[in-house]
Amino acid sequence: MRAGIWRLLHTGNHSSAENMAIDEAILTSVSKGESPPTLRFYGWDPATLSIGYFQRVEKEVNREQLHAKGLGLVRRPTGGRAVLHDQEVTYSVILEEDYPGMPTSVTASYRVLSTGLLEGFRELGLQAEMVPLETEAEKAQYASMGSAACFDSPSNYELVVEGKKVAGSAQTRQRGVIMQHGSILLDLDADLLFDVLNFPSERVKERMKQGFLNKAVAINQLRQPPVSFDETVRAMTRGFEKGLQIQLKPGELTPQEQKLTQELVSSRYGRDEWNLRR
């Protein structure tokens, strides 16, 4: 990619509706040429289960358990499977589709953007690698057992450490803009994740959970001493600058982005009509 100056945002912890609304507000602003390419890091309050755009809540989510455990619920504008946003750093990358050097295909652009994550993990001292999932052996190694959980689901150019998935990402393209966002796991509570998903039986649930644990791993399971949220953000910032050959300049949401965020919370991400509609 061609070197350029991007905006770096640290927006802190927000509700599920606010987090998805902020990402879309930035996408809209970039599409209008009002904001530069942006890398954002954020967290969630409360911890939230986000579901992919095409998932069916009533089929795949145990809403009673979700409520009992005090978790939020939101439908992402991106595809993929359910993600428990809890002990993690969440990132989003938003830029024009025709950004110099950006491949036109989804798979190729996913690989380019994920290079930033790859270098970020290496900044943390982890020997991460991208697995393209091109051969039958690679596909079989990372094949899903069929649960609704994101980290059980394979995709091209998986980021893995010691053979296990360490980041889950999804991408959408709208109005001439690419938005890729995803989870960087600091710690992993598989019991909580699987408690809020639906399964036909306890036996199936336990089998799926074990399969998930064989494929997913968190940073603090791989290194000592444990890494903090802020340390991870700093490492990922350096990783994106190195991997994408860009310069990141700290910034803030514009007044227009803040206004649109609140409008999107009210009209979309904070409403059952959006989150439960499929």
C-alpha atoms as a PDB file:
ATOM      1  CA  MET A   1       0.000   0.000   0.000  1.00  0.00           C
ATOM      2  CA  ARG A   2       1.042   3.570  -0.599  1.00  0.00           C
ATOM      3  CA  ALA A   3       2.154   5.433   2.528  1.00  0.00           C
ATOM      4  CA  GLY A   4      -0.290   7.961   3.888  1.00  0.00           C
ATOM      5  CA  ILE A   5      -1.470   9.645   7.071  1.00  0.00           C
ATOM      6  CA  TRP A   6      -4.451   7.980   8.742  1.00  0.00           C
ATOM      7  CA  ARG A   7      -6.516   9.037  11.735  1.00  0.00           C
ATOM      8  CA  LEU A   8      -6.059   7.024  14.942  1.00  0.00           C
ATOM      9  CA  LEU A   9      -9.015   6.893  17.332  1.00  0.00           C
ATOM     10  CA  HIS A  10      -9.114   5.575  20.903  1.00  0.00           C
ATOM     11  CA  THR A  11     -12.799   5.852  21.728  1.00  0.00           C
ATOM     12  CA  GLY A  12     -12.800   3.856  24.987  1.00  0.00           C
ATOM     13  CA  ASN A  13     -15.675   1.710  26.222  1.00  0.00           C
ATOM     14  CA  HIS A  14     -19.168   2.215  24.826  1.00  0.00           C
ATOM     15  CA  SER A  15     -22.460   0.366  24.725  1.00  0.00           C
ATOM     16  CA  SER A  16     -23.072  -2.179  21.988  1.00  0.00           C
ATOM     17  CA  ALA A  17     -25.358   0.178  20.044  1.00  0.00           C
ATOM     18  CA  GLU A  18     -22.900   3.065  20.301  1.00  0.00           C
ATOM     19  CA  ASN A  19     -19.953   0.963  19.129  1.00  0.00           C
ATOM     20  CA  MET A  20     -21.657  -0.207  15.950  1.00  0.00           C
ATOM     21  CA  ALA A  21     -23.091   3.258  15.344  1.00  0.00           C
ATOM     22  CA  ILE A  22     -19.647   4.864  15.635  1.00  0.00           C
ATOM     23  CA  ASP A  23     -18.195   2.472  13.068  1.00  0.00           C
ATOM     24  CA  GLU A  24     -21.021   3.231  10.632  1.00  0.00           C
ATOM     25  CA  ALA A  25     -20.787   6.974  11.264  1.00  0.00           C
ATOM     26  CA  ILE A  26     -17.086   6.875  10.373  1.00  0.00           C
ATOM     27  CA  LEU A  27     -17.887   4.836   7.249  1.00  0.00           C
ATOM     28  CA  THR A  28     -20.421   7.459   6.175  1.00  0.00           C
ATOM     29  CA  SER A  29     -17.984  10.300   6.844  1.00  0.00           C
ATOM     30  CA  VAL A  30     -15.197   8.602   4.871  1.00  0.00           C
ATOM     31  CA  SER A  31     -17.617   7.945   1.982  1.00  0.00           C
ATOM     32  CA  LYS A  32     -18.353  11.682   1.779  1.00  0.00           C
ATOM     33  CA  GLY A  33     -14.681  12.606   1.859  1.00  0.00           C
ATOM     34  CA  GLU A  34     -15.135  14.325   5.216  1.00  0.00           C
ATOM     35  CA  SER A  35     -12.782  12.035   7.173  1.00  0.00           C
ATOM     36  CA  PRO A  36      -9.483  10.333   6.317  1.00  0.00           C
ATOM     37  CA  PRO A  37      -8.828   6.584   6.503  1.00  0.00           C
ATOM     38  CA  THR A  38      -9.298   5.649  10.138  1.00  0.00           C
ATOM     39  CA  LEU A  39      -8.049   3.008  12.553  1.00  0.00           C
ATOM     40  CA  ARG A  40     -10.131   2.802  15.725  1.00  0.00           C
ATOM     41  CA  PHE A  41      -9.625   0.840  18.958  1.00  0.00           C
ATOM     42  CA  TYR A  42     -12.425   0.386  21.481  1.00  0.00           C
ATOM     43  CA  GLY A  43     -14.023  -1.698  24.240  1.00  0.00           C
ATOM     44  CA  TRP A  44     -17.536  -2.626  25.392  1.00  0.00           C
ATOM     45  CA  ASP A  45     -19.654  -1.710  28.425  1.00  0.00           C
ATOM     46  CA  PRO A  46     -21.418  -3.949  29.183  1.00  0.00           C
ATOM     47  CA  ALA A  47     -19.799  -7.018  27.634  1.00  0.00           C
ATOM     48  CA  THR A  48     -21.798  -7.821  24.506  1.00  0.00           C
ATOM     49  CA  LEU A  49     -22.686 -10.632  22.154  1.00  0.00           C
ATOM     50  CA  SER A  50     -22.578  -9.308  18.611  1.00  0.00           C
ATOM     51  CA  ILE A  51     -24.162 -11.356  15.872  1.00  0.00           C
ATOM     52  CA  GLY A  52     -23.440 -11.361  12.171  1.00  0.00           C
ATOM     53  CA  TYR A  53     -25.722  -9.494   9.798  1.00  0.00           C
ATOM     54  CA  PHE A  54     -27.292 -12.706   8.464  1.00  0.00           C
ATOM     55  CA  GLN A  55     -27.664 -14.631  11.730  1.00  0.00           C
ATOM     56  CA  ARG A  56     -31.070 -15.457  13.248  1.00  0.00           C
ATOM     57  CA  VAL A  57     -31.263 -14.482  16.914  1.00  0.00           C
ATOM     58  CA  GLU A  58     -34.182 -16.722  17.846  1.00  0.00           C
ATOM     59  CA  LYS A  59     -32.424 -19.755  16.395  1.00  0.00           C
ATOM     60  CA  GLU A  60     -28.873 -19.180  17.613  1.00  0.00           C
ATOM     61  CA  VAL A  61     -28.983 -17.003  20.762  1.00  0.00           C
ATOM     62  CA  ASN A  62     -30.252 -17.910  24.247  1.00  0.00           C
ATOM     63  CA  ARG A  63     -31.740 -14.534  25.107  1.00  0.00           C
ATOM     64  CA  GLU A  64     -32.815 -15.655  28.586  1.00  0.00           C
ATOM     65  CA  GLN A  65     -29.223 -16.486  29.519  1.00  0.00           C
ATOM     66  CA  LEU A  66     -27.993 -13.330  27.814  1.00  0.00           C
ATOM     67  CA  HIS A  67     -30.281 -11.218  29.995  1.00  0.00           C
ATOM     68  CA  ALA A  68     -29.478 -13.183  33.163  1.00  0.00           C
ATOM     69  CA  LYS A  69     -25.751 -12.604  32.686  1.00  0.00           C
ATOM     70  CA  GLY A  70     -26.177  -8.882  31.994  1.00  0.00           C
ATOM     71  CA  LEU A  71     -24.773  -8.974  28.479  1.00  0.00           C
ATOM     72  CA  GLY A  72     -25.628  -6.644  25.624  1.00  0.00           C
ATOM     73  CA  LEU A  73     -26.778  -7.783  22.190  1.00  0.00           C
ATOM     74  CA  VAL A  74     -26.246  -6.081  18.837  1.00  0.00           C
ATOM     75  CA  ARG A  75     -26.398  -7.040  15.175  1.00  0.00           C
ATOM     76  CA  ARG A  76     -23.274  -6.059  13.260  1.00  0.00           C
ATOM     77  CA  PRO A  77     -23.449  -4.567   9.766  1.00  0.00           C
ATOM     78  CA  THR A  78     -20.852  -7.198   8.793  1.00  0.00           C
ATOM     79  CA  GLY A  79     -21.344 -10.913   8.261  1.00  0.00           C
ATOM     80  CA  GLY A  80     -19.872 -13.801  10.189  1.00  0.00           C
ATOM     81  CA  ARG A  81     -20.853 -15.507  13.416  1.00  0.00           C
ATOM     82  CA  ALA A  82     -21.446 -14.530  17.031  1.00  0.00           C
ATOM     83  CA  VAL A  83     -18.647 -12.843  18.994  1.00  0.00           C
ATOM     84  CA  LEU A  84     -18.534 -12.301  22.751  1.00  0.00           C
ATOM     85  CA  HIS A  85     -16.926  -8.879  23.225  1.00  0.00           C
ATOM     86  CA  ASP A  86     -15.591  -9.081  26.748  1.00  0.00           C
ATOM     87  CA  GLN A  87     -11.894  -9.388  27.566  1.00  0.00           C
ATOM     88  CA  GLU A  88     -10.580  -8.065  24.282  1.00  0.00           C
ATOM     89  CA  VAL A  89      -9.398  -5.135  22.206  1.00  0.00           C
ATOM     90  CA  THR A  90     -11.746  -4.402  19.324  1.00  0.00           C
ATOM     91  CA  TYR A  91     -10.474  -2.640  16.218  1.00  0.00           C
ATOM     92  CA  SER A  92     -12.007  -1.188  13.085  1.00  0.00           C
ATOM     93  CA  VAL A  93     -10.320  -0.063   9.869  1.00  0.00           C
ATOM     94  CA  ILE A  94     -12.292   2.188   7.519  1.00  0.00           C
ATOM     95  CA  LEU A  95     -10.987   3.508   4.197  1.00  0.00           C
ATOM     96  CA  GLU A  96     -11.993   4.092   0.583  1.00  0.00           C
ATOM     97  CA  GLU A  97     -12.182   1.066  -1.712  1.00  0.00           C
ATOM     98  CA  ASP A  98      -9.970   2.889  -4.223  1.00  0.00           C
ATOM     99  CA  TYR A  99      -7.272   3.745  -1.680  1.00  0.00           C
ATOM    100  CA  PRO A 100      -3.897   3.496  -3.491  1.00  0.00           C
ATOM    101  CA  GLY A 101      -2.579  -0.049  -3.407  1.00  0.00           C
ATOM    102  CA  MET A 102      -5.752  -1.590  -1.927  1.00  0.00           C
ATOM    103  CA  PRO A 103      -6.772  -4.776  -3.798  1.00  0.00           C
ATOM    104  CA  THR A 104     -10.258  -4.840  -5.268  1.00  0.00           C
ATOM    105  CA  SER A 105     -11.193  -8.319  -4.043  1.00  0.00           C
ATOM    106  CA  VAL A 106     -12.506  -8.873  -0.517  1.00  0.00           C
ATOM    107  CA  THR A 107     -10.097 -11.718   0.169  1.00  0.00           C
ATOM    108  CA  ALA A 108      -7.027  -9.822  -1.006  1.00  0.00           C
ATOM    109  CA  SER A 109      -7.966  -6.662   0.896  1.00  0.00           C
ATOM    110  CA  TYR A 110      -8.620  -8.746   4.016  1.00  0.00           C
ATOM    111  CA  ARG A 111      -5.083 -10.117   3.711  1.00  0.00           C
ATOM    112  CA  VAL A 112      -3.578  -6.633   3.330  1.00  0.00           C
ATOM    113  CA  LEU A 113      -5.457  -5.141   6.288  1.00  0.00           C
ATOM    114  CA  SER A 114      -4.773  -8.165   8.465  1.00  0.00           C
ATOM    115  CA  THR A 115      -1.043  -7.618   7.924  1.00  0.00           C
ATOM    116  CA  GLY A 116      -1.407  -4.821  10.475  1.00  0.00           C
ATOM    117  CA  LEU A 117      -2.751  -7.300  13.010  1.00  0.00           C
ATOM    118  CA  LEU A 118      -0.029  -9.782  12.159  1.00  0.00           C
ATOM    119  CA  GLU A 119       2.699  -7.242  12.857  1.00  0.00           C
ATOM    120  CA  GLY A 120       0.875  -6.169  16.032  1.00  0.00           C
ATOM    121  CA  PHE A 121       0.950  -9.691  17.425  1.00  0.00           C
ATOM    122  CA  ARG A 122       4.636  -9.888  16.609  1.00  0.00           C
ATOM    123  CA  GLU A 123       5.155  -6.628  18.526  1.00  0.00           C
ATOM    124  CA  LEU A 124       3.703  -8.503  21.523  1.00  0.00           C
ATOM    125  CA  GLY A 125       6.311 -11.227  21.088  1.00  0.00           C
ATOM    126  CA  LEU A 126       3.934 -13.777  19.551  1.00  0.00           C
ATOM    127  CA  GLN A 127       4.916 -15.765  16.488  1.00  0.00           C
ATOM    128  CA  ALA A 128       1.732 -15.140  14.550  1.00  0.00           C
ATOM    129  CA  GLU A 129       1.172 -16.187  10.963  1.00  0.00           C
ATOM    130  CA  MET A 130      -1.533 -15.909   8.331  1.00  0.00           C
ATOM    131  CA  VAL A 131      -2.941 -19.158   7.001  1.00  0.00           C
ATOM    132  CA  PRO A 132      -4.495 -18.736   3.543  1.00  0.00           C
ATOM    133  CA  LEU A 133      -6.777 -21.814   3.747  1.00  0.00           C
ATOM    134  CA  GLU A 134      -6.106 -22.615   0.125  1.00  0.00           C
ATOM    135  CA  THR A 135      -5.193 -26.299   0.345  1.00  0.00           C
ATOM    136  CA  GLU A 136      -7.543 -29.060   1.463  1.00  0.00           C
ATOM    137  CA  ALA A 137      -5.245 -29.809   4.421  1.00  0.00           C
ATOM    138  CA  GLU A 138      -5.445 -26.188   5.606  1.00  0.00           C
ATOM    139  CA  LYS A 139      -9.217 -26.136   5.235  1.00  0.00           C
ATOM    140  CA  ALA A 140      -9.543 -29.376   7.181  1.00  0.00           C
ATOM    141  CA  GLN A 141      -7.309 -28.162  10.009  1.00  0.00           C
ATOM    142  CA  TYR A 142      -9.431 -25.063  10.638  1.00  0.00           C
ATOM    143  CA  ALA A 143     -12.816 -26.429   9.584  1.00  0.00           C
ATOM    144  CA  SER A 144     -15.790 -25.382  11.691  1.00  0.00           C
ATOM    145  CA  MET A 145     -17.745 -27.848  13.806  1.00  0.00           C
ATOM    146  CA  GLY A 146     -20.838 -25.811  13.024  1.00  0.00           C
ATOM    147  CA  SER A 147     -21.424 -23.689  16.116  1.00  0.00           C
ATOM    148  CA  ALA A 148     -22.684 -20.105  15.948  1.00  0.00           C
ATOM    149  CA  ALA A 149     -19.415 -18.798  17.449  1.00  0.00           C
ATOM    150  CA  CYS A 150     -17.074 -16.705  15.312  1.00  0.00           C
ATOM    151  CA  PHE A 151     -13.807 -18.237  16.483  1.00  0.00           C
ATOM    152  CA  ASP A 152     -15.115 -21.636  15.415  1.00  0.00           C
ATOM    153  CA  SER A 153     -15.536 -20.344  11.872  1.00  0.00           C
ATOM    154  CA  PRO A 154     -12.711 -20.441   9.299  1.00  0.00           C
ATOM    155  CA  SER A 155     -11.884 -17.701   6.831  1.00  0.00           C
ATOM    156  CA  ASN A 156      -9.120 -17.022   4.367  1.00  0.00           C
ATOM    157  CA  TYR A 157      -5.877 -15.697   5.847  1.00  0.00           C
ATOM    158  CA  GLU A 158      -6.586 -16.808   9.397  1.00  0.00           C
ATOM    159  CA  LEU A 159      -4.324 -15.217  12.001  1.00  0.00           C
ATOM    160  CA  VAL A 160      -3.021 -18.049  14.137  1.00  0.00           C
ATOM    161  CA  VAL A 161      -0.468 -18.583  16.899  1.00  0.00           C
ATOM    162  CA  GLU A 162       0.639 -22.128  17.631  1.00  0.00           C
ATOM    163  CA  GLY A 163      -2.060 -23.335  15.270  1.00  0.00           C
ATOM    164  CA  LYS A 164      -4.935 -21.548  17.032  1.00  0.00           C
ATOM    165  CA  LYS A 165      -6.993 -18.553  15.920  1.00  0.00           C
ATOM    166  CA  VAL A 166      -6.147 -15.333  17.827  1.00  0.00           C
ATOM    167  CA  ALA A 167      -8.267 -12.741  16.003  1.00  0.00           C
ATOM    168  CA  GLY A 168     -11.694 -12.799  14.395  1.00  0.00           C
ATOM    169  CA  SER A 169     -12.551 -10.204  11.761  1.00  0.00           C
ATOM    170  CA  ALA A 170     -15.347  -9.362   9.344  1.00  0.00           C
ATOM    171  CA  GLN A 171     -15.600  -6.938   6.442  1.00  0.00           C
ATOM    172  CA  THR A 172     -18.292  -5.031   4.593  1.00  0.00           C
ATOM    173  CA  ARG A 173     -18.205  -2.666   1.636  1.00  0.00           C
ATOM    174  CA  GLN A 174     -20.720   0.147   1.360  1.00  0.00           C
ATOM    175  CA  ARG A 175     -20.803   3.435  -0.547  1.00  0.00           C
ATOM    176  CA  GLY A 176     -17.322   2.905  -1.944  1.00  0.00           C
ATOM    177  CA  VAL A 177     -15.817   2.280   1.499  1.00  0.00           C
ATOM    178  CA  ILE A 178     -14.249  -0.782   3.139  1.00  0.00           C
ATOM    179  CA  MET A 179     -14.952  -1.369   6.815  1.00  0.00           C
ATOM    180  CA  GLN A 180     -13.186  -4.229   8.564  1.00  0.00           C
ATOM    181  CA  HIS A 181     -13.584  -4.742  12.285  1.00  0.00           C
ATOM    182  CA  GLY A 182     -12.760  -7.528  14.665  1.00  0.00           C
ATOM    183  CA  SER A 183     -11.736  -8.908  18.045  1.00  0.00           C
ATOM    184  CA  ILE A 184      -8.273  -9.335  19.503  1.00  0.00           C
ATOM    185  CA  LEU A 185      -8.709 -11.689  22.464  1.00  0.00           C
ATOM    186  CA  LEU A 186      -6.847 -10.866  25.677  1.00  0.00           C
ATOM    187  CA  ASP A 187      -8.595 -13.586  27.686  1.00  0.00           C
ATOM    188  CA  LEU A 188     -11.239 -16.130  26.794  1.00  0.00           C
ATOM    189  CA  ASP A 189     -14.367 -17.225  28.679  1.00  0.00           C
ATOM    190  CA  ALA A 190     -15.668 -20.056  26.526  1.00  0.00           C
ATOM    191  CA  ASP A 191     -18.192 -21.107  29.199  1.00  0.00           C
ATOM    192  CA  LEU A 192     -19.887 -17.711  29.080  1.00  0.00           C
ATOM    193  CA  LEU A 193     -19.933 -17.640  25.278  1.00  0.00           C
ATOM    194  CA  PHE A 194     -21.475 -21.082  24.957  1.00  0.00           C
ATOM    195  CA  ASP A 195     -23.987 -20.427  27.738  1.00  0.00           C
ATOM    196  CA  VAL A 196     -25.604 -17.684  25.654  1.00  0.00           C
ATOM    197  CA  LEU A 197     -25.802 -19.679  22.418  1.00  0.00           C
ATOM    198  CA  ASN A 198     -28.458 -22.245  21.571  1.00  0.00           C
ATOM    199  CA  PHE A 199     -27.685 -25.921  21.064  1.00  0.00           C
ATOM    200  CA  PRO A 200     -29.968 -28.925  20.556  1.00  0.00           C
ATOM    201  CA  SER A 201     -28.585 -30.643  23.680  1.00  0.00           C
ATOM    202  CA  GLU A 202     -25.984 -30.323  26.444  1.00  0.00           C
ATOM    203  CA  ARG A 203     -23.970 -33.047  24.787  1.00  0.00           C
ATOM    204  CA  VAL A 204     -23.758 -31.104  21.531  1.00  0.00           C
ATOM    205  CA  LYS A 205     -22.944 -27.917  23.450  1.00  0.00           C
ATOM    206  CA  GLU A 206     -19.998 -29.565  25.235  1.00  0.00           C
ATOM    207  CA  ARG A 207     -18.713 -31.114  22.026  1.00  0.00           C
ATOM    208  CA  MET A 208     -18.880 -27.760  20.241  1.00  0.00           C
ATOM    209  CA  LYS A 209     -17.179 -26.002  23.151  1.00  0.00           C
ATOM    210  CA  GLN A 210     -14.277 -28.439  23.153  1.00  0.00           C
ATOM    211  CA  GLY A 211     -13.900 -28.038  19.419  1.00  0.00           C
ATOM    212  CA  PHE A 212     -13.892 -24.276  19.860  1.00  0.00           C
ATOM    213  CA  LEU A 213     -11.187 -24.452  22.553  1.00  0.00           C
ATOM    214  CA  ASN A 214      -9.057 -26.556  20.223  1.00  0.00           C
ATOM    215  CA  LYS A 215      -9.177 -23.780  17.603  1.00  0.00           C
ATOM    216  CA  ALA A 216      -9.231 -20.486  19.538  1.00  0.00           C
ATOM    217  CA  VAL A 217      -6.726 -18.953  21.920  1.00  0.00           C
ATOM    218  CA  ALA A 218      -6.273 -15.659  23.781  1.00  0.00           C
ATOM    219  CA  ILE A 219      -3.090 -13.619  24.044  1.00  0.00           C
ATOM    220  CA  ASN A 220      -2.728 -14.113  27.798  1.00  0.00           C
ATOM    221  CA  GLN A 221      -2.880 -17.877  27.392  1.00  0.00           C
ATOM    222  CA  LEU A 222       0.234 -17.617  25.258  1.00  0.00           C
ATOM    223  CA  ARG A 223       2.491 -15.179  27.099  1.00  0.00           C
ATOM    224  CA  GLN A 224       3.506 -14.034  30.561  1.00  0.00           C
ATOM    225  CA  PRO A 225       3.247 -11.575  32.131  1.00  0.00           C
ATOM    226  CA  PRO A 226      -0.314 -10.812  30.980  1.00  0.00           C
ATOM    227  CA  VAL A 227      -0.712  -7.954  28.543  1.00  0.00           C
ATOM    228  CA  SER A 228      -3.109  -5.080  29.257  1.00  0.00           C
ATOM    229  CA  PHE A 229      -5.642  -3.418  26.965  1.00  0.00           C
ATOM    230  CA  ASP A 230      -3.455  -0.326  26.579  1.00  0.00           C
ATOM    231  CA  GLU A 231      -0.293  -2.331  25.892  1.00  0.00           C
ATOM    232  CA  THR A 232      -2.130  -4.265  23.197  1.00  0.00           C
ATOM    233  CA  VAL A 233      -3.417  -1.075  21.580  1.00  0.00           C
ATOM    234  CA  ARG A 234       0.112   0.369  21.477  1.00  0.00           C
ATOM    235  CA  ALA A 235       1.487  -2.822  19.923  1.00  0.00           C
ATOM    236  CA  MET A 236      -1.303  -2.961  17.345  1.00  0.00           C
ATOM    237  CA  THR A 237      -0.794   0.703  16.489  1.00  0.00           C
ATOM    238  CA  ARG A 238       2.871   0.016  15.738  1.00  0.00           C
ATOM    239  CA  GLY A 239       1.842  -3.122  13.853  1.00  0.00           C
ATOM    240  CA  PHE A 240      -0.580  -1.316  11.571  1.00  0.00           C
ATOM    241  CA  GLU A 241       1.959   1.416  10.837  1.00  0.00           C
ATOM    242  CA  LYS A 242       4.560  -1.192   9.942  1.00  0.00           C
ATOM    243  CA  GLY A 243       2.310  -3.656   8.138  1.00  0.00           C
ATOM    244  CA  LEU A 244       0.393  -1.096   6.072  1.00  0.00           C
ATOM    245  CA  GLN A 245       3.301   1.379   5.758  1.00  0.00           C
ATOM    246  CA  ILE A 246       1.193   4.263   7.047  1.00  0.00           C
ATOM    247  CA  GLN A 247       1.504   7.016   9.634  1.00  0.00           C
ATOM    248  CA  LEU A 248      -1.180   7.162  12.319  1.00  0.00           C
ATOM    249  CA  LYS A 249      -2.105  10.572  13.701  1.00  0.00           C
ATOM    250  CA  PRO A 250      -4.212  10.674  16.901  1.00  0.00           C
ATOM    251  CA  GLY A 251      -7.577  12.339  16.363  1.00  0.00           C
ATOM    252  CA  GLU A 252     -11.171  12.498  17.539  1.00  0.00           C
ATOM    253  CA  LEU A 253     -14.614  11.898  16.115  1.00  0.00           C
ATOM    254  CA  THR A 254     -15.864  14.918  14.214  1.00  0.00           C
ATOM    255  CA  PRO A 255     -19.021  16.720  15.397  1.00  0.00           C
ATOM    256  CA  GLN A 256     -20.833  15.279  12.361  1.00  0.00           C
ATOM    257  CA  GLU A 257     -19.740  11.744  13.265  1.00  0.00           C
ATOM    258  CA  GLN A 258     -20.869  12.238  16.860  1.00  0.00           C
ATOM    259  CA  LYS A 259     -24.274  13.505  15.705  1.00  0.00           C
ATOM    260  CA  LEU A 260     -24.736  10.647  13.242  1.00  0.00           C
ATOM    261  CA  THR A 261     -23.698   8.136  15.923  1.00  0.00           C
ATOM    262  CA  GLN A 262     -26.574   9.216  18.156  1.00  0.00           C
ATOM    263  CA  GLU A 263     -28.985   9.119  15.216  1.00  0.00           C
ATOM    264  CA  LEU A 264     -27.915   5.562  14.349  1.00  0.00           C
ATOM    265  CA  VAL A 265     -28.276   4.431  17.969  1.00  0.00           C
ATOM    266  CA  SER A 266     -31.845   5.738  17.986  1.00  0.00           C
ATOM    267  CA  SER A 267     -32.837   4.546  14.530  1.00  0.00           C
ATOM    268  CA  ARG A 268     -30.940   1.260  14.185  1.00  0.00           C
ATOM    269  CA  TYR A 269     -28.498  -0.308  16.619  1.00  0.00           C
ATOM    270  CA  GLY A 270     -30.452   0.493  19.769  1.00  0.00           C
ATOM    271  CA  ARG A 271     -33.709  -0.938  18.404  1.00  0.00           C
ATOM    272  CA  ASP A 272     -35.079  -4.482  18.525  1.00  0.00           C
ATOM    273  CA  GLU A 273     -36.329  -4.012  14.950  1.00  0.00           C
ATOM    274  CA  TRP A 274     -32.685  -4.085  13.822  1.00  0.00           C
ATOM    275  CA  ASN A 275     -31.123  -6.461  16.327  1.00  0.00           C
ATOM    276  CA  LEU A 276     -33.826  -9.161  16.294  1.00  0.00           C
ATOM    277  CA  ARG A 277     -35.223  -8.810  12.817  1.00  0.00           C
ATOM    278  CA  ARG A 278     -34.048 -12.017  11.132  1.00  0.00           C
END
